[in-house]
């Protein structure tokens, strides 16, 4: 049933669209007592809140056949690399109500979108009583593209029955993406953590787009639909609708730049099984090459040019927030070592960058450092001379000196150069993407306002509580919204390849820069 004729005569198409969306979002809310997640069109079912996936019945996939697809516009597009970024890309998006026959069109030119591929819908139902909203059903759509050509820019449009992006009046909805190159070439990527929905998150996104990154790393605590962040069903304030706002906010970047997340403590939404990650599995399609996709969907790796990227789930080893402590049974750490060993032995890979949520080294007055990371992973970072570690969790920017054996191996002033093969590892906390800022106990010290101190009083989260420590490795401390930009420059064999790392403030000012250099293979 569409818009009544007497109303349609006085309404624009956009107004009719809003009328139907509001009407059917009320009528099609499901009444029940469990969070459910299932596929309603194509592909395999995804596990929901119960041990088995929900089937598309009247309770989990209400009929909305009377909705005119022409009045339903996709939103929240976000890309992700597949296991091989040279040839694989996933395009994901949302629709406000169930639609028929969703698909993606793709081609080398905006006027040639003849290739049409069916898409998969994953429904996520959150009943009233779970958090702040009433019954709410979300429809996440995914299209996995394979056999693409390396280093090629593609045009794409997403649609469904009644909404064809190839139609002349909808060409403005098209997006683009570029696959990773087949060979080593210069590129830029960006990174931050702890974004949420805010003006500051939106401002940082606009600056990200201006950096022209090949991909973006999000180091956890993505949307903050669960503001409590303990990973328990007793968390208060949960609102699944925040994800709708977040994906709309990030679309300006994520529709053309692969948005690669790791999962933080606020991403453990305990109402969705398994381990609170069922909702994340509905929203994201990430490279499926980790050790355990069911329990650790945010653990994966990929290679872009001469650089290997590894995403880890620090919830698995966090003493501070132990909701998912030990969920991998040690398999994640074993997988990490195998990945590091493989990438360090590869003749095609110069740099290894690892990112995850909880900080290995940070002096924030809030969360500071995570002892589980130091215990499980830092020895491996040093053994395989990881080039850069990026974290979130603490809502500020902090960068260490070069660290080895939990001590300063080499001071790294602003503008300095680190040589991981001999020096050690540099750690950057880039958790000031948009959420309210934390505090430092030591004076701020950043580019143009340097204030070096010999030591900083801090603490590390260990099994059983907090352990105070006095550290000398805190080199740069900046307290405002910011993100990380990394420029990767390959080199001929035997010459120095470089990572040029910059801290960029929301104002556009540079607050830190340093170089990581390694002899190219």
Protein backbone atom coordinates (compact mmCIF):
# COMPACT_ATOMS: atom_id res chain seq x y z
CA UNK A 1 0.00 0.00 0.00
CA UNK A 2 1.56 3.26 -1.11
CA UNK A 3 0.97 6.93 -0.28
CA UNK A 4 -2.77 7.80 -0.32
CA UNK A 5 -3.66 9.62 -3.52
CA UNK A 6 -4.97 12.67 -1.68
CA UNK A 7 -1.57 13.06 0.01
CA UNK A 8 0.57 12.10 -2.97
CA UNK A 9 -0.82 15.00 -4.99
CA UNK A 10 0.65 17.47 -2.49
CA UNK A 11 3.95 15.67 -1.75
CA UNK A 12 7.31 15.58 -3.53
CA UNK A 13 8.99 12.25 -4.22
CA UNK A 14 11.31 12.83 -1.27
CA UNK A 15 8.36 13.54 1.02
CA UNK A 16 6.59 10.40 -0.20
CA UNK A 17 9.75 8.44 0.52
CA UNK A 18 9.91 9.75 4.10
CA UNK A 19 6.19 9.08 4.59
CA UNK A 20 6.55 5.44 3.53
CA UNK A 21 9.74 4.90 5.48
CA UNK A 22 8.15 6.17 8.70
CA UNK A 23 4.95 4.24 8.07
CA UNK A 24 6.54 0.92 7.33
CA UNK A 25 9.26 1.20 9.94
CA UNK A 26 6.39 1.32 12.47
CA UNK A 27 4.31 -1.42 10.89
CA UNK A 28 7.10 -3.89 10.27
CA UNK A 29 8.75 -3.80 13.68
CA UNK A 30 8.84 -7.33 15.02
CA UNK A 31 7.46 -8.14 18.43
CA UNK A 32 9.43 -10.76 20.30
CA UNK A 33 11.92 -11.35 23.05
CA UNK A 34 15.23 -12.24 21.41
CA UNK A 35 17.70 -10.50 19.19
CA UNK A 36 17.74 -12.29 15.84
CA UNK A 37 19.96 -12.10 12.80
CA UNK A 38 19.39 -13.85 9.51
CA UNK A 39 19.78 -13.54 5.77
CA UNK A 40 16.67 -12.79 3.74
CA UNK A 41 18.10 -12.73 0.24
CA UNK A 42 20.94 -14.84 -1.04
CA UNK A 43 24.09 -16.05 0.67
CA UNK A 44 24.47 -18.00 3.88
CA UNK A 45 22.73 -17.29 7.12
CA UNK A 46 24.70 -15.42 9.75
CA UNK A 47 24.50 -16.52 13.41
CA UNK A 48 22.20 -14.45 15.57
CA UNK A 49 21.55 -14.15 19.29
CA UNK A 50 20.65 -17.80 19.59
CA UNK A 51 22.75 -20.79 18.69
CA UNK A 52 21.16 -21.05 15.25
CA UNK A 53 20.37 -18.38 12.72
CA UNK A 54 16.85 -17.10 12.43
CA UNK A 55 14.97 -18.17 9.32
CA UNK A 56 13.08 -15.61 7.22
CA UNK A 57 9.66 -16.08 8.78
CA UNK A 58 6.98 -13.52 9.52
CA UNK A 59 8.68 -12.89 12.87
CA UNK A 60 12.17 -12.23 11.54
CA UNK A 61 11.53 -10.98 8.02
CA UNK A 62 8.16 -9.24 7.85
CA UNK A 63 6.66 -8.85 4.41
CA UNK A 64 6.95 -5.37 2.95
CA UNK A 65 5.95 -6.30 -0.57
CA UNK A 66 3.70 -3.27 -0.84
CA UNK A 67 6.61 -0.84 -0.46
CA UNK A 68 7.50 0.68 -3.80
CA UNK A 69 11.25 0.13 -4.20
CA UNK A 70 11.51 3.41 -6.07
CA UNK A 71 10.81 5.20 -2.79
CA UNK A 72 13.53 3.40 -0.82
CA UNK A 73 17.06 4.81 -1.19
CA UNK A 74 20.15 2.90 -0.03
CA UNK A 75 22.42 4.65 2.46
CA UNK A 76 25.48 4.03 4.61
CA UNK A 77 27.72 2.58 1.90
CA UNK A 78 31.03 1.22 3.19
CA UNK A 79 33.76 -0.72 1.44
CA UNK A 80 36.14 -3.38 2.70
CA UNK A 81 38.96 -5.24 1.06
CA UNK A 82 38.65 -8.96 0.50
CA UNK A 83 41.45 -11.37 1.36
CA UNK A 84 43.31 -10.19 -1.76
CA UNK A 85 42.90 -6.39 -2.08
CA UNK A 86 44.22 -6.52 -5.65
CA UNK A 87 41.22 -8.49 -6.90
CA UNK A 88 38.53 -8.48 -4.18
CA UNK A 89 36.29 -5.81 -2.70
CA UNK A 90 33.09 -5.94 -0.66
CA UNK A 91 30.51 -3.17 -1.00
CA UNK A 92 28.04 -2.93 1.89
CA UNK A 93 25.08 -0.65 2.51
CA UNK A 94 21.76 -0.30 4.34
CA UNK A 95 18.12 0.06 3.40
CA UNK A 96 15.51 1.39 5.85
CA UNK A 97 12.97 -1.36 5.05
CA UNK A 98 13.11 -4.77 3.42
CA UNK A 99 13.48 -4.59 -0.36
CA UNK A 100 13.25 -7.09 -3.18
CA UNK A 101 16.21 -8.39 -5.19
CA UNK A 102 19.05 -6.12 -4.01
CA UNK A 103 22.03 -5.89 -6.33
CA UNK A 104 25.13 -3.97 -7.30
CA UNK A 105 26.12 -2.71 -10.73
CA UNK A 106 29.80 -2.30 -11.56
CA UNK A 107 31.82 -1.16 -14.54
CA UNK A 108 34.89 0.70 -15.72
CA UNK A 109 32.85 3.80 -16.63
CA UNK A 110 29.76 5.45 -15.16
CA UNK A 111 27.94 4.95 -18.46
CA UNK A 112 28.81 1.25 -18.59
CA UNK A 113 27.37 -0.56 -15.57
CA UNK A 114 26.23 -3.64 -17.40
CA UNK A 115 27.69 -6.08 -14.88
CA UNK A 116 24.92 -6.76 -12.35
CA UNK A 117 25.53 -8.94 -9.27
CA UNK A 118 23.00 -10.11 -6.69
CA UNK A 119 23.58 -8.96 -3.11
CA UNK A 120 22.97 -10.58 0.27
CA UNK A 121 20.75 -9.03 2.97
CA UNK A 122 21.48 -9.64 6.65
CA UNK A 123 18.66 -8.59 8.95
CA UNK A 124 19.43 -7.58 12.51
CA UNK A 125 16.43 -7.41 14.85
CA UNK A 126 16.74 -5.76 18.26
CA UNK A 127 13.59 -6.00 20.41
CA UNK A 128 12.26 -3.40 22.78
CA UNK A 129 13.81 -3.92 26.19
CA UNK A 130 17.31 -4.25 24.77
CA UNK A 131 18.63 -0.76 25.20
CA UNK A 132 17.04 2.60 24.56
CA UNK A 133 14.88 2.03 21.48
CA UNK A 134 11.72 0.10 20.72
CA UNK A 135 11.69 -2.84 18.34
CA UNK A 136 14.18 -2.04 15.60
CA UNK A 137 15.09 -4.02 12.49
CA UNK A 138 18.13 -3.13 10.42
CA UNK A 139 18.82 -4.37 6.90
CA UNK A 140 22.49 -4.62 5.93
CA UNK A 141 23.26 -5.51 2.31
CA UNK A 142 26.56 -6.94 1.06
CA UNK A 143 27.99 -7.67 -2.37
CA UNK A 144 31.35 -9.46 -2.56
CA UNK A 145 33.23 -8.66 -5.77
CA UNK A 146 35.96 -10.97 -7.05
CA UNK A 147 38.17 -11.33 -10.14
CA UNK A 148 38.77 -7.57 -10.27
CA UNK A 149 41.90 -6.19 -11.91
CA UNK A 150 44.74 -4.78 -9.74
CA UNK A 151 45.21 -1.04 -9.59
CA UNK A 152 41.94 -0.39 -11.43
CA UNK A 153 39.28 2.19 -10.58
CA UNK A 154 35.71 0.90 -10.83
CA UNK A 155 32.37 2.66 -10.78
CA UNK A 156 29.50 1.05 -8.92
CA UNK A 157 25.90 1.64 -7.94
CA UNK A 158 23.76 -0.21 -5.41
CA UNK A 159 20.07 -0.83 -5.83
CA UNK A 160 17.10 -3.16 -5.67
CA UNK A 161 13.85 -3.79 -7.51
CA UNK A 162 12.46 -0.35 -8.31
CA UNK A 163 15.73 1.50 -7.69
CA UNK A 164 18.28 1.03 -10.46
CA UNK A 165 21.42 3.19 -10.05
CA UNK A 166 22.02 2.97 -13.82
CA UNK A 167 18.89 5.04 -14.45
CA UNK A 168 19.84 8.53 -15.71
CA UNK A 169 18.24 10.34 -12.79
CA UNK A 170 20.15 8.17 -10.27
CA UNK A 171 23.67 8.46 -11.72
CA UNK A 172 24.47 10.89 -8.92
CA UNK A 173 24.28 7.95 -6.49
CA UNK A 174 27.24 6.16 -8.06
CA UNK A 175 30.47 5.53 -6.16
CA UNK A 176 34.00 4.50 -7.08
CA UNK A 177 36.75 2.38 -5.61
CA UNK A 178 40.29 1.44 -6.61
CA UNK A 179 41.85 -1.98 -6.09
CA UNK A 180 45.33 -2.41 -4.65
CA UNK A 181 48.21 -2.40 -7.14
CA UNK A 182 49.89 -5.55 -8.38
CA UNK A 183 53.35 -4.15 -7.64
CA UNK A 184 55.05 -1.87 -5.13
CA UNK A 185 54.03 1.76 -5.53
CA UNK A 186 53.73 4.78 -3.22
CA UNK A 187 50.43 5.11 -1.34
CA UNK A 188 48.85 6.73 1.69
CA UNK A 189 46.61 5.28 4.38
CA UNK A 190 44.92 6.84 7.39
CA UNK A 191 43.97 5.55 10.84
CA UNK A 192 42.18 6.44 14.05
CA UNK A 193 40.04 4.90 16.78
CA UNK A 194 37.08 5.82 18.99
CA UNK A 195 34.95 7.80 16.58
CA UNK A 196 31.25 7.54 17.44
CA UNK A 197 28.68 9.97 16.07
CA UNK A 198 29.56 13.63 16.51
CA UNK A 199 30.56 16.82 14.76
CA UNK A 200 34.21 16.00 15.47
CA UNK A 201 33.87 12.60 13.83
CA UNK A 202 32.31 14.25 10.79
CA UNK A 203 35.08 16.86 10.66
CA UNK A 204 37.80 14.23 10.86
CA UNK A 205 36.11 12.29 8.06
CA UNK A 206 36.19 15.32 5.79
CA UNK A 207 39.92 15.70 6.46
CA UNK A 208 40.49 11.99 5.86
CA UNK A 209 38.98 12.23 2.41
CA UNK A 210 41.35 15.08 1.58
CA UNK A 211 44.36 12.85 2.26
CA UNK A 212 43.31 10.59 -0.65
CA UNK A 213 44.03 7.39 1.32
CA UNK A 214 44.11 3.97 -0.32
CA UNK A 215 42.36 2.59 2.78
CA UNK A 216 41.48 3.61 6.34
CA UNK A 217 42.08 1.68 9.57
CA UNK A 218 39.62 2.08 12.45
CA UNK A 219 41.26 0.85 15.66
CA UNK A 220 38.05 -0.09 17.47
CA UNK A 221 35.19 1.53 19.41
CA UNK A 222 33.46 2.31 16.17
CA UNK A 223 29.95 3.71 16.66
CA UNK A 224 29.36 3.58 20.43
CA UNK A 225 25.86 2.13 20.17
CA UNK A 226 26.82 0.57 23.52
CA UNK A 227 28.16 3.57 25.48
CA UNK A 228 28.98 1.51 28.59
CA UNK A 229 31.54 -0.70 26.85
CA UNK A 230 31.93 -3.54 29.34
CA UNK A 231 30.59 -6.17 26.93
CA UNK A 232 27.80 -7.25 29.30
CA UNK A 233 24.02 -7.44 28.85
CA UNK A 234 23.85 -5.20 31.94
CA UNK A 235 25.40 -2.33 29.93
CA UNK A 236 23.05 0.65 29.90
CA UNK A 237 22.13 3.05 27.13
CA UNK A 238 22.50 0.67 24.20
CA UNK A 239 20.79 1.96 21.05
CA UNK A 240 21.19 -0.01 17.82
CA UNK A 241 19.97 3.02 15.81
CA UNK A 242 23.31 4.74 16.48
CA UNK A 243 24.78 2.46 13.82
CA UNK A 244 22.40 3.94 11.23
CA UNK A 245 23.71 7.40 12.10
CA UNK A 246 27.33 6.28 12.13
CA UNK A 247 27.25 4.61 8.72
CA UNK A 248 25.52 7.66 7.26
CA UNK A 249 28.20 9.88 8.83
CA UNK A 250 31.13 7.91 7.43
CA UNK A 251 29.65 7.29 3.97
CA UNK A 252 31.42 10.30 2.46
CA UNK A 253 34.72 8.45 2.95
CA UNK A 254 33.78 4.79 3.25
CA UNK A 255 31.87 4.67 -0.06
CA UNK A 256 35.19 5.08 -1.91
CA UNK A 257 37.88 4.15 0.65
CA UNK A 258 37.99 0.64 2.15
CA UNK A 259 37.12 1.10 5.83
CA UNK A 260 38.93 -1.63 7.76
CA UNK A 261 37.93 -1.92 11.43
CA UNK A 262 39.29 -3.75 14.42
CA UNK A 263 36.86 -4.32 17.29
CA UNK A 264 37.11 -2.57 20.65
CA UNK A 265 35.33 -3.00 23.95
CA UNK A 266 32.37 -0.83 22.87
CA UNK A 267 31.94 -3.13 19.86
CA UNK A 268 31.17 -6.14 22.08
CA UNK A 269 27.38 -5.82 21.98
CA UNK A 270 26.50 -8.66 24.33
CA UNK A 271 22.92 -9.07 23.11
CA UNK A 272 24.16 -10.52 19.81
CA UNK A 273 25.94 -13.86 19.94
CA UNK A 274 28.53 -15.21 19.65
CA UNK A 275 30.64 -13.19 22.06
CA UNK A 276 28.76 -9.98 21.31
CA UNK A 277 29.94 -9.89 17.69
CA UNK A 278 26.77 -11.01 15.90
CA UNK A 279 25.84 -7.40 15.19
CA UNK A 280 29.29 -6.70 13.76
CA UNK A 281 28.95 -9.72 11.48
CA UNK A 282 25.72 -8.25 10.15
CA UNK A 283 27.30 -4.86 9.42
CA UNK A 284 30.72 -5.82 8.05
CA UNK A 285 32.19 -8.28 5.58
CA UNK A 286 35.90 -8.40 6.36
CA UNK A 287 38.69 -10.61 5.00
CA UNK A 288 37.94 -14.11 6.19
CA UNK A 289 41.54 -15.23 6.71
CA UNK A 290 41.76 -14.97 10.50
CA UNK A 291 42.12 -17.88 12.92
CA UNK A 292 38.44 -18.15 13.90
CA UNK A 293 35.86 -16.15 11.96
CA UNK A 294 33.04 -17.20 14.30
CA UNK A 295 34.64 -16.02 17.53
CA UNK A 296 37.06 -13.43 16.12
CA UNK A 297 35.44 -11.79 13.06
CA UNK A 298 37.64 -8.70 13.46
CA UNK A 299 40.92 -10.59 13.16
CA UNK A 300 42.37 -10.64 9.64
CA UNK A 301 45.27 -9.48 7.49
CA UNK A 302 45.80 -8.05 4.03
CA UNK A 303 48.63 -6.77 1.85
CA UNK A 304 48.65 -3.47 -0.04
CA UNK A 305 51.76 -2.97 -2.16
CA UNK A 306 54.83 -3.53 0.00
CA UNK A 307 52.95 -3.31 3.31
CA UNK A 308 51.19 -6.02 5.32
CA UNK A 309 48.38 -4.95 7.65
CA UNK A 310 47.25 -7.11 10.58
CA UNK A 311 44.04 -6.44 12.54
CA UNK A 312 43.82 -8.00 16.02
CA UNK A 313 41.10 -8.33 18.68
CA UNK A 314 42.56 -7.17 21.98
CA UNK A 315 39.32 -8.00 23.80
CA UNK A 316 40.66 -11.56 23.73
CA UNK A 317 43.62 -10.64 25.95
CA UNK A 318 42.37 -7.63 27.94
CA UNK A 319 42.75 -7.72 31.71
CA UNK A 320 41.05 -4.33 32.05
CA UNK A 321 37.76 -5.27 30.34
CA UNK A 322 37.58 -9.07 30.55
CA UNK A 323 34.19 -9.85 28.97
CA UNK A 324 35.86 -11.75 26.11
CA UNK A 325 39.14 -12.57 27.84
CA UNK A 326 40.48 -15.85 26.50
CA UNK A 327 37.80 -16.45 23.86
CA UNK A 328 40.35 -17.66 21.32
CA UNK A 329 42.04 -20.10 23.67
CA UNK A 330 45.40 -18.80 22.48
CA UNK A 331 44.72 -19.38 18.78
CA UNK A 332 44.84 -15.66 17.97
CA UNK A 333 48.39 -15.28 19.32
CA UNK A 334 49.52 -18.41 17.45
CA UNK A 335 47.95 -17.06 14.26
CA UNK A 336 49.62 -13.68 14.82
CA UNK A 337 53.06 -15.26 15.06
CA UNK A 338 52.45 -17.30 11.91
CA UNK A 339 51.39 -14.15 10.05
CA UNK A 340 54.40 -12.17 11.26
CA UNK A 341 56.76 -14.96 10.33
CA UNK A 342 55.21 -15.31 6.86
CA UNK A 343 55.21 -11.60 6.09
CA UNK A 344 58.72 -10.98 7.39
CA UNK A 345 60.03 -13.82 5.18
CA UNK A 346 58.24 -12.53 2.06
CA UNK A 347 60.42 -10.84 -0.56
CA UNK A 348 57.47 -8.69 -1.64
CA UNK A 349 56.76 -7.13 1.76
CA UNK A 350 58.90 -4.48 3.43
CA UNK A 351 56.65 -3.15 6.21
CA UNK A 352 54.35 -4.76 8.76
CA UNK A 353 51.72 -2.56 10.47
CA UNK A 354 49.58 -3.97 13.28
CA UNK A 355 46.47 -2.27 14.63
CA UNK A 356 44.04 -3.08 17.43
CA UNK A 357 42.14 -1.31 20.19
CA UNK A 358 43.71 -1.56 23.67
CA UNK A 359 47.00 0.28 24.03
CA UNK A 360 50.30 -1.45 24.52
CA UNK A 361 51.87 1.81 25.72
CA UNK A 362 49.93 4.92 26.75
CA UNK A 363 49.97 7.31 29.72
CA UNK A 364 46.32 8.40 29.58
CA UNK A 365 44.75 9.10 32.93
CA UNK A 366 41.80 6.90 31.91
CA UNK A 367 42.85 3.51 30.52
CA UNK A 368 46.63 3.86 30.17
CA UNK A 369 48.34 0.62 29.06
CA UNK A 370 47.03 -2.94 28.70
CA UNK A 371 49.17 -5.59 30.37
CA UNK A 372 47.60 -8.38 28.34
CA UNK A 373 48.98 -6.85 25.15
CA UNK A 374 52.43 -6.46 26.66
CA UNK A 375 52.36 -10.05 27.87
CA UNK A 376 51.00 -11.76 24.74
CA UNK A 377 51.92 -9.68 21.71
CA UNK A 378 54.71 -7.18 22.41
CA UNK A 379 57.38 -9.93 22.49
CA UNK A 380 56.22 -11.03 19.03
CA UNK A 381 56.26 -7.44 17.72
CA UNK A 382 59.89 -7.20 18.83
CA UNK A 383 60.87 -10.66 17.60
CA UNK A 384 59.61 -9.94 14.09
CA UNK A 385 60.54 -6.21 14.15
CA UNK A 386 57.06 -4.84 13.48
CA UNK A 387 57.36 -1.39 11.94
CA UNK A 388 54.36 0.39 13.46
CA UNK A 389 51.64 -0.42 16.02
CA UNK A 390 48.44 1.67 16.00
CA UNK A 391 45.96 1.69 18.91
CA UNK A 392 42.84 3.51 20.08
CA UNK A 393 40.98 3.14 23.42
CA UNK A 394 42.45 6.29 24.98
CA UNK A 395 40.86 9.41 23.51
CA UNK A 396 43.98 11.39 22.70
CA UNK A 397 47.11 11.29 20.57
CA UNK A 398 50.27 9.86 22.07
CA UNK A 399 53.41 8.51 20.45
CA UNK A 400 56.25 6.62 22.06
CA UNK A 401 59.96 6.57 21.57
CA UNK A 402 61.34 3.37 20.05
CA UNK A 403 60.68 0.61 22.58
CA UNK A 404 62.37 -2.75 23.14
CA UNK A 405 62.15 -4.87 26.27
CA UNK A 406 59.62 -2.45 27.83
CA UNK A 407 62.23 0.31 27.82
CA UNK A 408 63.35 3.16 25.58
CA UNK A 409 65.73 1.66 23.05
CA UNK A 410 66.16 4.95 21.21
CA UNK A 411 64.69 8.40 21.68
CA UNK A 412 62.57 9.43 18.71
CA UNK A 413 62.07 13.19 18.64
CA UNK A 414 59.55 14.84 16.35
CA UNK A 415 60.99 14.55 12.86
CA UNK A 416 63.26 11.65 13.82
CA UNK A 417 63.77 8.28 12.11
CA UNK A 418 63.37 4.79 13.56
CA UNK A 419 65.04 1.67 12.16
CA UNK A 420 63.00 -1.29 13.46
CA UNK A 421 65.50 -3.88 12.30
CA UNK A 422 67.94 -2.67 14.95
CA UNK A 423 66.08 -0.19 17.18
CA UNK A 424 62.71 -1.57 18.24
CA UNK A 425 59.00 -0.73 17.81
CA UNK A 426 57.08 2.58 17.75
CA UNK A 427 53.55 2.70 19.20
CA UNK A 428 50.94 5.35 18.37
CA UNK A 429 47.67 5.93 20.22
CA UNK A 430 45.29 7.61 17.77
CA UNK A 431 42.05 7.48 19.74
CA UNK A 432 40.82 11.05 19.28
CA UNK A 433 38.54 10.53 16.28
CA UNK A 434 35.39 11.99 17.78
CA UNK A 435 34.45 10.91 21.30
CA UNK A 436 34.97 13.11 24.36
CA UNK A 437 38.65 13.58 25.14
CA UNK A 438 40.57 12.12 28.10
CA UNK A 439 43.46 13.70 30.02
CA UNK A 440 47.20 13.33 30.50
CA UNK A 441 49.03 13.58 33.80
CA UNK A 442 52.11 15.07 32.11
CA UNK A 443 52.33 18.34 30.14
CA UNK A 444 51.32 18.29 26.49
CA UNK A 445 54.18 18.04 24.02
CA UNK A 446 53.63 18.19 20.28
CA UNK A 447 54.99 19.79 17.12
CA UNK A 448 55.36 23.52 17.69
CA UNK A 449 54.80 23.10 21.44
CA UNK A 450 57.42 20.63 22.63
CA UNK A 451 57.74 20.06 26.36
CA UNK A 452 59.96 17.06 27.01
CA UNK A 453 59.92 15.43 30.42
CA UNK A 454 62.23 12.75 31.77
CA UNK A 455 59.45 10.54 33.13
CA UNK A 456 55.67 10.23 33.40
CA UNK A 457 53.69 8.60 36.19
CA UNK A 458 51.17 6.15 34.78
CA UNK A 459 49.79 2.62 35.23
CA UNK A 460 49.29 -0.65 33.40
CA UNK A 461 46.23 -2.90 33.67
CA UNK A 462 47.32 -6.33 34.88
CA UNK A 463 45.51 -9.40 36.09
CA UNK A 464 43.93 -8.36 39.35
CA UNK A 465 43.91 -4.60 38.82
CA UNK A 466 46.14 -1.62 38.08
CA UNK A 467 49.88 -1.51 38.59
CA UNK A 468 51.54 1.88 38.87
CA UNK A 469 54.62 2.57 36.77
CA UNK A 470 56.90 5.47 35.92
CA UNK A 471 57.81 5.53 32.24
CA UNK A 472 60.30 7.38 30.04
CA UNK A 473 58.89 6.43 26.61
CA UNK A 474 56.10 9.03 26.25
CA UNK A 475 57.44 11.35 23.54
CA UNK A 476 54.43 13.17 22.00
CA UNK A 477 51.19 14.03 23.83
CA UNK A 478 48.42 15.97 22.08
CA UNK A 479 44.93 16.50 23.47
CA UNK A 480 42.49 17.40 20.74
CA UNK A 481 40.71 15.61 17.90
CA UNK A 482 43.08 14.09 15.38
CA UNK A 483 43.97 11.16 13.14
CA UNK A 484 47.00 9.44 11.66
CA UNK A 485 48.30 9.74 8.11
CA UNK A 486 50.95 7.30 6.85
CA UNK A 487 52.75 7.75 3.52
CA UNK A 488 54.44 4.60 2.23
CA UNK A 489 57.36 5.02 -0.16
CA UNK A 490 58.93 1.87 -1.66
CA UNK A 491 62.54 1.75 -2.79
CA UNK A 492 64.77 -0.37 -5.03
CA UNK A 493 66.26 -3.46 -3.43
CA UNK A 494 68.86 -2.55 -0.82
CA UNK A 495 67.73 1.10 -0.56
CA UNK A 496 65.68 2.52 2.30
CA UNK A 497 61.91 2.24 1.97
CA UNK A 498 60.03 4.55 4.34
CA UNK A 499 56.84 5.05 6.29
CA UNK A 500 56.31 8.75 6.94
CA UNK A 501 53.89 9.00 9.86
CA UNK A 502 52.01 12.19 10.66
CA UNK A 503 49.59 13.16 13.41
CA UNK A 504 46.99 15.51 11.89
CA UNK A 505 44.70 17.61 14.07
CA UNK A 506 41.06 18.32 13.27
CA UNK A 507 42.22 21.85 12.43
CA UNK A 508 44.48 20.42 9.73
CA UNK A 509 47.64 21.27 11.67
CA UNK A 510 50.42 18.72 11.90
CA UNK A 511 51.10 17.80 15.53
CA UNK A 512 53.69 15.07 15.01
CA UNK A 513 55.78 13.47 12.30
CA UNK A 514 58.44 10.79 12.20
CA UNK A 515 59.84 8.25 9.76
CA UNK A 516 60.21 4.48 9.90
CA UNK A 517 62.90 3.22 7.51
CA UNK A 518 63.83 -0.28 6.39
CA UNK A 519 66.00 -1.67 3.61
CA UNK A 520 63.82 -2.83 0.74
CA UNK A 521 63.99 -6.49 -0.23
